[in-house]
Amino acid sequence: LEHPRTGKKSLYGMNRGVFLVQPLGSAAPGSELLRRAEGSEAFEDASVVKELRSLLPHATRPEFVVRWEWAAGDLVVWDNRCTMHCPTGFDHDRHTREIGR
């Protein structure tokens, strides 16, 4: 996909919820396929590995990764349209987490 503002190529939908990758303009998955994508018996179509998971080594290269070291007063903003988020440990006993969208 292209980022709607910058026009740069970006990945979208790269998370555990993706079960199928289809070409742009193709028909939406049918109800049977959608049913198979939910619950304890959920499957992941081979298209996910071919089209998305194979890009992970490139997308997670050091020049594309930010690991934030929090300090008091920090505010971090990112663009969810082209960001992969992988949280690290958070000490809920010592800190309050506030999230706004």
PDB file of N, CA and C in Angstrom:
ATOM      1  N   LEU A   1       0.831  -1.188   0.000  1.00  0.00           N
ATOM      2  CA  LEU A   1       0.000   0.000   0.000  1.00  0.00           C
ATOM      3  C   LEU A   1       0.870   1.244   0.000  1.00  0.00           C
ATOM      4  N   GLU A   2       0.283   2.335  -0.401  1.00  0.00           N
ATOM      5  CA  GLU A   2       0.959   3.616  -0.311  1.00  0.00           C
ATOM      6  C   GLU A   2       0.364   4.409   0.843  1.00  0.00           C
ATOM      7  N   HIS A   3       1.232   5.095   1.576  1.00  0.00           N
ATOM      8  CA  HIS A   3       0.767   5.946   2.662  1.00  0.00           C
ATOM      9  C   HIS A   3      -0.080   7.054   2.041  1.00  0.00           C
ATOM     10  N   PRO A   4      -1.267   7.317   2.578  1.00  0.00           N
ATOM     11  CA  PRO A   4      -2.171   8.279   1.943  1.00  0.00           C
ATOM     12  C   PRO A   4      -1.655   9.716   1.926  1.00  0.00           C
ATOM     13  N   ARG A   5      -0.739  10.039   2.787  1.00  0.00           N
ATOM     14  CA  ARG A   5      -0.242  11.411   2.842  1.00  0.00           C
ATOM     15  C   ARG A   5       1.102  11.584   2.134  1.00  0.00           C
ATOM     16  N   THR A   6       2.032  10.651   2.369  1.00  0.00           N
ATOM     17  CA  THR A   6       3.376  10.805   1.812  1.00  0.00           C
ATOM     18  C   THR A   6       3.549  10.116   0.467  1.00  0.00           C
ATOM     19  N   GLY A   7       2.696   9.131   0.172  1.00  0.00           N
ATOM     20  CA  GLY A   7       2.827   8.373  -1.062  1.00  0.00           C
ATOM     21  C   GLY A   7       3.890   7.289  -1.000  1.00  0.00           C
ATOM     22  N   LYS A   8       4.594   7.177   0.148  1.00  0.00           N
ATOM     23  CA  LYS A   8       5.617   6.143   0.292  1.00  0.00           C
ATOM     24  C   LYS A   8       4.962   4.779   0.467  1.00  0.00           C
ATOM     25  N   LYS A   9       5.653   3.746  -0.003  1.00  0.00           N
ATOM     26  CA  LYS A   9       5.134   2.392   0.176  1.00  0.00           C
ATOM     27  C   LYS A   9       5.179   2.026   1.646  1.00  0.00           C
ATOM     28  N   SER A  10       4.137   1.339   2.102  1.00  0.00           N
ATOM     29  CA  SER A  10       4.072   0.941   3.501  1.00  0.00           C
ATOM     30  C   SER A  10       3.333  -0.381   3.624  1.00  0.00           C
ATOM     31  N   LEU A  11       3.541  -1.026   4.752  1.00  0.00           N
ATOM     32  CA  LEU A  11       2.831  -2.260   5.067  1.00  0.00           C
ATOM     33  C   LEU A  11       1.630  -1.912   5.919  1.00  0.00           C
ATOM     34  N   TYR A  12       0.555  -2.643   5.736  1.00  0.00           N
ATOM     35  CA  TYR A  12      -0.623  -2.409   6.552  1.00  0.00           C
ATOM     36  C   TYR A  12      -1.232  -3.757   6.889  1.00  0.00           C
ATOM     37  N   GLY A  13      -1.678  -3.892   8.115  1.00  0.00           N
ATOM     38  CA  GLY A  13      -2.335  -5.132   8.509  1.00  0.00           C
ATOM     39  C   GLY A  13      -1.366  -6.206   8.951  1.00  0.00           C
ATOM     40  N   MET A  14      -0.170  -5.828   9.318  1.00  0.00           N
ATOM     41  CA  MET A  14       0.851  -6.803   9.701  1.00  0.00           C
ATOM     42  C   MET A  14       0.716  -7.105  11.189  1.00  0.00           C
ATOM     43  N   ASN A  15      -0.246  -7.925  11.540  1.00  0.00           N
ATOM     44  CA  ASN A  15      -0.424  -8.296  12.936  1.00  0.00           C
ATOM     45  C   ASN A  15      -0.998  -9.704  13.024  1.00  0.00           C
ATOM     46  N   ARG A  16      -1.216 -10.166  14.217  1.00  0.00           N
ATOM     47  CA  ARG A  16      -1.698 -11.537  14.409  1.00  0.00           C
ATOM     48  C   ARG A  16      -3.124 -11.743  13.920  1.00  0.00           C
ATOM     49  N   GLY A  17      -3.832 -10.645  13.654  1.00  0.00           N
ATOM     50  CA  GLY A  17      -5.204 -10.758  13.199  1.00  0.00           C
ATOM     51  C   GLY A  17      -5.341 -11.018  11.706  1.00  0.00           C
ATOM     52  N   VAL A  18      -4.253 -10.965  10.971  1.00  0.00           N
ATOM     53  CA  VAL A  18      -4.322 -11.177   9.520  1.00  0.00           C
ATOM     54  C   VAL A  18      -4.383 -12.672   9.239  1.00  0.00           C
ATOM     55  N   PHE A  19      -5.371 -13.087   8.455  1.00  0.00           N
ATOM     56  CA  PHE A  19      -5.468 -14.504   8.119  1.00  0.00           C
ATOM     57  C   PHE A  19      -5.446 -14.747   6.623  1.00  0.00           C
ATOM     58  N   LEU A  20      -5.534 -13.686   5.814  1.00  0.00           N
ATOM     59  CA  LEU A  20      -5.612 -13.842   4.373  1.00  0.00           C
ATOM     60  C   LEU A  20      -5.137 -12.559   3.696  1.00  0.00           C
ATOM     61  N   VAL A  21      -4.366 -12.699   2.615  1.00  0.00           N
ATOM     62  CA  VAL A  21      -3.952 -11.547   1.817  1.00  0.00           C
ATOM     63  C   VAL A  21      -4.478 -11.770   0.408  1.00  0.00           C
ATOM     64  N   GLN A  22      -5.218 -10.793  -0.100  1.00  0.00           N
ATOM     65  CA  GLN A  22      -5.792 -10.894  -1.440  1.00  0.00           C
ATOM     66  C   GLN A  22      -5.372  -9.693  -2.268  1.00  0.00           C
ATOM     67  N   PRO A  23      -5.309  -9.852  -3.570  1.00  0.00           N
ATOM     68  CA  PRO A  23      -4.978  -8.709  -4.432  1.00  0.00           C
ATOM     69  C   PRO A  23      -6.024  -7.606  -4.319  1.00  0.00           C
ATOM     70  N   LEU A  24      -5.574  -6.381  -4.433  1.00  0.00           N
ATOM     71  CA  LEU A  24      -6.461  -5.228  -4.398  1.00  0.00           C
ATOM     72  C   LEU A  24      -7.526  -5.383  -5.478  1.00  0.00           C
ATOM     73  N   GLY A  25      -8.762  -5.129  -5.111  1.00  0.00           N
ATOM     74  CA  GLY A  25      -9.860  -5.210  -6.069  1.00  0.00           C
ATOM     75  C   GLY A  25     -10.529  -6.566  -6.136  1.00  0.00           C
ATOM     76  N   SER A  26      -9.974  -7.585  -5.480  1.00  0.00           N
ATOM     77  CA  SER A  26     -10.611  -8.905  -5.516  1.00  0.00           C
ATOM     78  C   SER A  26     -11.798  -8.932  -4.556  1.00  0.00           C
ATOM     79  N   ALA A  27     -12.664  -9.897  -4.739  1.00  0.00           N
ATOM     80  CA  ALA A  27     -13.870 -10.011  -3.915  1.00  0.00           C
ATOM     81  C   ALA A  27     -13.506 -10.274  -2.458  1.00  0.00           C
ATOM     82  N   ALA A  28     -14.346  -9.775  -1.575  1.00  0.00           N
ATOM     83  CA  ALA A  28     -14.144 -10.004  -0.139  1.00  0.00           C
ATOM     84  C   ALA A  28     -14.315 -11.489   0.171  1.00  0.00           C
ATOM     85  N   PRO A  29     -13.640 -11.971   1.215  1.00  0.00           N
ATOM     86  CA  PRO A  29     -13.793 -13.385   1.576  1.00  0.00           C
ATOM     87  C   PRO A  29     -15.240 -13.694   1.949  1.00  0.00           C
ATOM     88  N   GLY A  30     -15.668 -14.892   1.630  1.00  0.00           N
ATOM     89  CA  GLY A  30     -17.028 -15.314   1.939  1.00  0.00           C
ATOM     90  C   GLY A  30     -17.209 -15.651   3.409  1.00  0.00           C
ATOM     91  N   SER A  31     -18.449 -15.868   3.811  1.00  0.00           N
ATOM     92  CA  SER A  31     -18.756 -16.106   5.221  1.00  0.00           C
ATOM     93  C   SER A  31     -18.103 -17.389   5.745  1.00  0.00           C
ATOM     94  N   GLU A  32     -17.991 -18.428   4.913  1.00  0.00           N
ATOM     95  CA  GLU A  32     -17.359 -19.672   5.367  1.00  0.00           C
ATOM     96  C   GLU A  32     -15.879 -19.438   5.683  1.00  0.00           C
ATOM     97  N   LEU A  33     -15.187 -18.727   4.833  1.00  0.00           N
ATOM     98  CA  LEU A  33     -13.775 -18.430   5.066  1.00  0.00           C
ATOM     99  C   LEU A  33     -13.610 -17.570   6.316  1.00  0.00           C
ATOM    100  N   LEU A  34     -14.476 -16.609   6.499  1.00  0.00           N
ATOM    101  CA  LEU A  34     -14.409 -15.758   7.688  1.00  0.00           C
ATOM    102  C   LEU A  34     -14.667 -16.561   8.960  1.00  0.00           C
ATOM    103  N   ARG A  35     -15.593 -17.506   8.916  1.00  0.00           N
ATOM    104  CA  ARG A  35     -15.857 -18.368  10.082  1.00  0.00           C
ATOM    105  C   ARG A  35     -14.624 -19.183  10.446  1.00  0.00           C
ATOM    106  N   ARG A  36     -13.893 -19.657   9.433  1.00  0.00           N
ATOM    107  CA  ARG A  36     -12.694 -20.470   9.680  1.00  0.00           C
ATOM    108  C   ARG A  36     -11.558 -19.646  10.270  1.00  0.00           C
ATOM    109  N   ALA A  37     -11.650 -18.324  10.199  1.00  0.00           N
ATOM    110  CA  ALA A  37     -10.584 -17.450  10.684  1.00  0.00           C
ATOM    111  C   ALA A  37     -10.760 -17.060  12.148  1.00  0.00           C
ATOM    112  N   GLU A  38     -11.801 -17.564  12.797  1.00  0.00           N
ATOM    113  CA  GLU A  38     -12.078 -17.190  14.182  1.00  0.00           C
ATOM    114  C   GLU A  38     -12.038 -18.388  15.111  1.00  0.00           C
ATOM    115  N   GLY A  39     -11.854 -18.102  16.385  1.00  0.00           N
ATOM    116  CA  GLY A  39     -11.936 -19.128  17.414  1.00  0.00           C
ATOM    117  C   GLY A  39     -10.686 -19.975  17.545  1.00  0.00           C
ATOM    118  N   SER A  40     -10.821 -21.042  18.328  1.00  0.00           N
ATOM    119  CA  SER A  40      -9.669 -21.895  18.648  1.00  0.00           C
ATOM    120  C   SER A  40      -9.149 -22.671  17.440  1.00  0.00           C
ATOM    121  N   GLU A  41      -9.968 -22.843  16.421  1.00  0.00           N
ATOM    122  CA  GLU A  41      -9.558 -23.578  15.219  1.00  0.00           C
ATOM    123  C   GLU A  41      -9.151 -22.643  14.084  1.00  0.00           C
ATOM    124  N   ALA A  42      -8.854 -21.392  14.395  1.00  0.00           N
ATOM    125  CA  ALA A  42      -8.531 -20.397  13.371  1.00  0.00           C
ATOM    126  C   ALA A  42      -7.322 -20.836  12.544  1.00  0.00           C
ATOM    127  N   PHE A  43      -7.347 -20.472  11.278  1.00  0.00           N
ATOM    128  CA  PHE A  43      -6.257 -20.820  10.376  1.00  0.00           C
ATOM    129  C   PHE A  43      -5.623 -19.551   9.828  1.00  0.00           C
ATOM    130  N   GLU A  44      -4.442 -19.698   9.273  1.00  0.00           N
ATOM    131  CA  GLU A  44      -3.768 -18.611   8.584  1.00  0.00           C
ATOM    132  C   GLU A  44      -3.458 -19.098   7.177  1.00  0.00           C
ATOM    133  N   ASP A  45      -4.003 -18.426   6.186  1.00  0.00           N
ATOM    134  CA  ASP A  45      -3.810 -18.812   4.801  1.00  0.00           C
ATOM    135  C   ASP A  45      -2.335 -18.680   4.409  1.00  0.00           C
ATOM    136  N   ALA A  46      -1.879 -19.518   3.492  1.00  0.00           N
ATOM    137  CA  ALA A  46      -0.489 -19.473   3.024  1.00  0.00           C
ATOM    138  C   ALA A  46      -0.135 -18.108   2.430  1.00  0.00           C
ATOM    139  N   SER A  47      -1.128 -17.347   1.982  1.00  0.00           N
ATOM    140  CA  SER A  47      -0.873 -16.022   1.409  1.00  0.00           C
ATOM    141  C   SER A  47      -0.278 -15.071   2.444  1.00  0.00           C
ATOM    142  N   VAL A  48      -0.579 -15.284   3.715  1.00  0.00           N
ATOM    143  CA  VAL A  48      -0.037 -14.415   4.764  1.00  0.00           C
ATOM    144  C   VAL A  48       1.473 -14.605   4.865  1.00  0.00           C
ATOM    145  N   VAL A  49       1.910 -15.853   4.857  1.00  0.00           N
ATOM    146  CA  VAL A  49       3.347 -16.130   4.918  1.00  0.00           C
ATOM    147  C   VAL A  49       4.028 -15.585   3.676  1.00  0.00           C
ATOM    148  N   LYS A  50       3.444 -15.847   2.527  1.00  0.00           N
ATOM    149  CA  LYS A  50       4.048 -15.430   1.256  1.00  0.00           C
ATOM    150  C   LYS A  50       4.125 -13.909   1.135  1.00  0.00           C
ATOM    151  N   GLU A  51       3.049 -13.221   1.475  1.00  0.00           N
ATOM    152  CA  GLU A  51       2.971 -11.780   1.217  1.00  0.00           C
ATOM    153  C   GLU A  51       3.404 -10.902   2.394  1.00  0.00           C
ATOM    154  N   LEU A  52       3.168 -11.328   3.630  1.00  0.00           N
ATOM    155  CA  LEU A  52       3.466 -10.461   4.768  1.00  0.00           C
ATOM    156  C   LEU A  52       4.611 -10.950   5.640  1.00  0.00           C
ATOM    157  N   ARG A  53       4.496 -12.173   6.136  1.00  0.00           N
ATOM    158  CA  ARG A  53       5.504 -12.663   7.082  1.00  0.00           C
ATOM    159  C   ARG A  53       6.898 -12.707   6.448  1.00  0.00           C
ATOM    160  N   SER A  54       6.958 -12.920   5.153  1.00  0.00           N
ATOM    161  CA  SER A  54       8.261 -12.948   4.486  1.00  0.00           C
ATOM    162  C   SER A  54       8.932 -11.565   4.499  1.00  0.00           C
ATOM    163  N   LEU A  55       8.155 -10.510   4.740  1.00  0.00           N
ATOM    164  CA  LEU A  55       8.698  -9.160   4.781  1.00  0.00           C
ATOM    165  C   LEU A  55       9.212  -8.754   6.162  1.00  0.00           C
ATOM    166  N   LEU A  56       8.917  -9.554   7.187  1.00  0.00           N
ATOM    167  CA  LEU A  56       9.324  -9.193   8.549  1.00  0.00           C
ATOM    168  C   LEU A  56      10.819  -8.961   8.717  1.00  0.00           C
ATOM    169  N   PRO A  57      11.693  -9.806   8.166  1.00  0.00           N
ATOM    170  CA  PRO A  57      13.123  -9.533   8.343  1.00  0.00           C
ATOM    171  C   PRO A  57      13.533  -8.144   7.814  1.00  0.00           C
ATOM    172  N   HIS A  58      12.937  -7.723   6.724  1.00  0.00           N
ATOM    173  CA  HIS A  58      13.250  -6.394   6.191  1.00  0.00           C
ATOM    174  C   HIS A  58      12.621  -5.302   7.066  1.00  0.00           C
ATOM    175  N   ALA A  59      11.340  -5.464   7.384  1.00  0.00           N
ATOM    176  CA  ALA A  59      10.606  -4.428   8.121  1.00  0.00           C
ATOM    177  C   ALA A  59      11.133  -4.207   9.530  1.00  0.00           C
ATOM    178  N   THR A  60      11.797  -5.194  10.097  1.00  0.00           N
ATOM    179  CA  THR A  60      12.294  -5.068  11.470  1.00  0.00           C
ATOM    180  C   THR A  60      13.805  -4.825  11.527  1.00  0.00           C
ATOM    181  N   ARG A  61      14.381  -4.379  10.420  1.00  0.00           N
ATOM    182  CA  ARG A  61      15.804  -4.029  10.419  1.00  0.00           C
ATOM    183  C   ARG A  61      16.029  -2.839  11.359  1.00  0.00           C
ATOM    184  N   PRO A  62      17.220  -2.741  11.946  1.00  0.00           N
ATOM    185  CA  PRO A  62      17.477  -1.680  12.935  1.00  0.00           C
ATOM    186  C   PRO A  62      17.128  -0.268  12.474  1.00  0.00           C
ATOM    187  N   GLU A  63      17.315   0.045  11.208  1.00  0.00           N
ATOM    188  CA  GLU A  63      17.025   1.413  10.756  1.00  0.00           C
ATOM    189  C   GLU A  63      15.536   1.731  10.718  1.00  0.00           C
ATOM    190  N   PHE A  64      14.684   0.714  10.877  1.00  0.00           N
ATOM    191  CA  PHE A  64      13.238   0.926  10.887  1.00  0.00           C
ATOM    192  C   PHE A  64      12.622   0.752  12.271  1.00  0.00           C
ATOM    193  N   VAL A  65      13.433   0.469  13.270  1.00  0.00           N
ATOM    194  CA  VAL A  65      12.927   0.143  14.602  1.00  0.00           C
ATOM    195  C   VAL A  65      13.232   1.259  15.593  1.00  0.00           C
ATOM    196  N   VAL A  66      12.243   1.585  16.402  1.00  0.00           N
ATOM    197  CA  VAL A  66      12.425   2.521  17.510  1.00  0.00           C
ATOM    198  C   VAL A  66      12.065   1.782  18.786  1.00  0.00           C
ATOM    199  N   ARG A  67      12.948   1.813  19.730  1.00  0.00           N
ATOM    200  CA  ARG A  67      12.658   1.257  21.056  1.00  0.00           C
ATOM    201  C   ARG A  67      12.736   2.420  22.029  1.00  0.00           C
ATOM    202  N   TRP A  68      11.607   2.771  22.592  1.00  0.00           N
ATOM    203  CA  TRP A  68      11.504   3.963  23.406  1.00  0.00           C
ATOM    204  C   TRP A  68      11.894   3.672  24.844  1.00  0.00           C
ATOM    205  N   GLU A  69      12.798   4.491  25.379  1.00  0.00           N
ATOM    206  CA  GLU A  69      13.155   4.451  26.796  1.00  0.00           C
ATOM    207  C   GLU A  69      12.373   5.576  27.478  1.00  0.00           C
ATOM    208  N   TRP A  70      11.308   5.212  28.170  1.00  0.00           N
ATOM    209  CA  TRP A  70      10.408   6.201  28.742  1.00  0.00           C
ATOM    210  C   TRP A  70      11.060   7.025  29.834  1.00  0.00           C
ATOM    211  N   ALA A  71      10.706   8.295  29.869  1.00  0.00           N
ATOM    212  CA  ALA A  71      11.102   9.208  30.933  1.00  0.00           C
ATOM    213  C   ALA A  71       9.878  10.043  31.303  1.00  0.00           C
ATOM    214  N   ALA A  72       9.872  10.576  32.519  1.00  0.00           N
ATOM    215  CA  ALA A  72       8.737  11.375  32.985  1.00  0.00           C
ATOM    216  C   ALA A  72       8.445  12.494  31.996  1.00  0.00           C
ATOM    217  N   GLY A  73       7.161  12.653  31.654  1.00  0.00           N
ATOM    218  CA  GLY A  73       6.733  13.712  30.758  1.00  0.00           C
ATOM    219  C   GLY A  73       6.767  13.365  29.283  1.00  0.00           C
ATOM    220  N   ASP A  74       7.229  12.170  28.934  1.00  0.00           N
ATOM    221  CA  ASP A  74       7.299  11.782  27.526  1.00  0.00           C
ATOM    222  C   ASP A  74       5.914  11.644  26.913  1.00  0.00           C
ATOM    223  N   LEU A  75       5.826  12.013  25.665  1.00  0.00           N
ATOM    224  CA  LEU A  75       4.642  11.806  24.843  1.00  0.00           C
ATOM    225  C   LEU A  75       5.135  11.234  23.526  1.00  0.00           C
ATOM    226  N   VAL A  76       4.626  10.082  23.150  1.00  0.00           N
ATOM    227  CA  VAL A  76       5.051   9.438  21.909  1.00  0.00           C
ATOM    228  C   VAL A  76       3.842   9.348  20.986  1.00  0.00           C
ATOM    229  N   VAL A  77       4.022   9.752  19.745  1.00  0.00           N
ATOM    230  CA  VAL A  77       2.950   9.734  18.753  1.00  0.00           C
ATOM    231  C   VAL A  77       3.452   8.973  17.538  1.00  0.00           C
ATOM    232  N   TRP A  78       2.608   8.107  16.981  1.00  0.00           N
ATOM    233  CA  TRP A  78       2.976   7.392  15.768  1.00  0.00           C
ATOM    234  C   TRP A  78       1.768   7.284  14.862  1.00  0.00           C
ATOM    235  N   ASP A  79       2.014   6.912  13.639  1.00  0.00           N
ATOM    236  CA  ASP A  79       0.973   6.792  12.624  1.00  0.00           C
ATOM    237  C   ASP A  79       0.560   5.327  12.520  1.00  0.00           C
ATOM    238  N   ASN A  80      -0.616   4.997  13.025  1.00  0.00           N
ATOM    239  CA  ASN A  80      -1.080   3.605  13.019  1.00  0.00           C
ATOM    240  C   ASN A  80      -1.282   3.043  11.617  1.00  0.00           C
ATOM    241  N   ARG A  81      -1.305   3.892  10.609  1.00  0.00           N
ATOM    242  CA  ARG A  81      -1.510   3.408   9.250  1.00  0.00           C
ATOM    243  C   ARG A  81      -0.292   2.658   8.726  1.00  0.00           C
ATOM    244  N   CYS A  82       0.862   2.856   9.345  1.00  0.00           N
ATOM    245  CA  CYS A  82       2.068   2.191   8.839  1.00  0.00           C
ATOM    246  C   CYS A  82       3.058   1.906   9.969  1.00  0.00           C
ATOM    247  N   THR A  83       2.541   1.468  11.108  1.00  0.00           N
ATOM    248  CA  THR A  83       3.388   1.169  12.260  1.00  0.00           C
ATOM    249  C   THR A  83       3.091  -0.231  12.765  1.00  0.00           C
ATOM    250  N   MET A  84       4.144  -0.995  13.000  1.00  0.00           N
ATOM    251  CA  MET A  84       3.996  -2.277  13.697  1.00  0.00           C
ATOM    252  C   MET A  84       4.373  -2.009  15.140  1.00  0.00           C
ATOM    253  N   HIS A  85       3.556  -2.442  16.056  1.00  0.00           N
ATOM    254  CA  HIS A  85       3.788  -2.176  17.466  1.00  0.00           C
ATOM    255  C   HIS A  85       3.974  -3.485  18.199  1.00  0.00           C
ATOM    256  N   CYS A  86       5.051  -3.578  18.932  1.00  0.00           N
ATOM    257  CA  CYS A  86       5.325  -4.768  19.731  1.00  0.00           C
ATOM    258  C   CYS A  86       5.710  -4.304  21.131  1.00  0.00           C
ATOM    259  N   PRO A  87       4.768  -4.316  22.052  1.00  0.00           N
ATOM    260  CA  PRO A  87       5.073  -3.800  23.385  1.00  0.00           C
ATOM    261  C   PRO A  87       6.057  -4.689  24.130  1.00  0.00           C
ATOM    262  N   THR A  88       6.831  -4.055  24.968  1.00  0.00           N
ATOM    263  CA  THR A  88       7.728  -4.786  25.861  1.00  0.00           C
ATOM    264  C   THR A  88       7.103  -4.754  27.252  1.00  0.00           C
ATOM    265  N   GLY A  89       7.770  -5.294  28.205  1.00  0.00           N
ATOM    266  CA  GLY A  89       7.220  -5.344  29.565  1.00  0.00           C
ATOM    267  C   GLY A  89       6.825  -3.972  30.092  1.00  0.00           C
ATOM    268  N   PHE A  90       5.746  -3.917  30.830  1.00  0.00           N
ATOM    269  CA  PHE A  90       5.256  -2.681  31.426  1.00  0.00           C
ATOM    270  C   PHE A  90       4.942  -2.964  32.879  1.00  0.00           C
ATOM    271  N   ASP A  91       5.472  -2.163  33.776  1.00  0.00           N
ATOM    272  CA  ASP A  91       5.276  -2.357  35.210  1.00  0.00           C
ATOM    273  C   ASP A  91       3.991  -1.659  35.648  1.00  0.00           C
ATOM    274  N   HIS A  92       2.889  -2.386  35.610  1.00  0.00           N
ATOM    275  CA  HIS A  92       1.581  -1.817  35.949  1.00  0.00           C
ATOM    276  C   HIS A  92       1.489  -1.443  37.427  1.00  0.00           C
ATOM    277  N   ASP A  93       2.307  -2.043  38.274  1.00  0.00           N
ATOM    278  CA  ASP A  93       2.272  -1.726  39.702  1.00  0.00           C
ATOM    279  C   ASP A  93       2.927  -0.377  40.006  1.00  0.00           C
ATOM    280  N   ARG A  94       3.882   0.035  39.191  1.00  0.00           N
ATOM    281  CA  ARG A  94       4.617   1.275  39.445  1.00  0.00           C
ATOM    282  C   ARG A  94       4.159   2.451  38.590  1.00  0.00           C
ATOM    283  N   HIS A  95       3.476   2.168  37.458  1.00  0.00           N
ATOM    284  CA  HIS A  95       3.160   3.244  36.512  1.00  0.00           C
ATOM    285  C   HIS A  95       1.711   3.174  36.078  1.00  0.00           C
ATOM    286  N   THR A  96       1.196   4.323  35.680  1.00  0.00           N
ATOM    287  CA  THR A  96      -0.149   4.422  35.121  1.00  0.00           C
ATOM    288  C   THR A  96       0.014   4.588  33.615  1.00  0.00           C
ATOM    289  N   ARG A  97      -0.742   3.811  32.874  1.00  0.00           N
ATOM    290  CA  ARG A  97      -0.676   3.890  31.415  1.00  0.00           C
ATOM    291  C   ARG A  97      -1.916   4.603  30.909  1.00  0.00           C
ATOM    292  N   GLU A  98      -1.699   5.667  30.139  1.00  0.00           N
ATOM    293  CA  GLU A  98      -2.806   6.420  29.556  1.00  0.00           C
ATOM    294  C   GLU A  98      -2.687   6.356  28.054  1.00  0.00           C
ATOM    295  N   ILE A  99      -3.767   6.004  27.388  1.00  0.00           N
ATOM    296  CA  ILE A  99      -3.753   5.873  25.938  1.00  0.00           C
ATOM    297  C   ILE A  99      -4.908   6.686  25.363  1.00  0.00           C
ATOM    298  N   GLY A 100      -4.613   7.454  24.345  1.00  0.00           N
ATOM    299  CA  GLY A 100      -5.643   8.213  23.660  1.00  0.00           C
ATOM    300  C   GLY A 100      -5.561   7.956  22.162  1.00  0.00           C
ATOM    301  N   ARG A 101      -6.684   7.948  21.515  1.00  0.00           N
ATOM    302  CA  ARG A 101      -6.714   7.755  20.058  1.00  0.00           C
ATOM    303  C   ARG A 101      -7.542   8.829  19.421  1.00  0.00           C
TER     304      ARG A 101
END
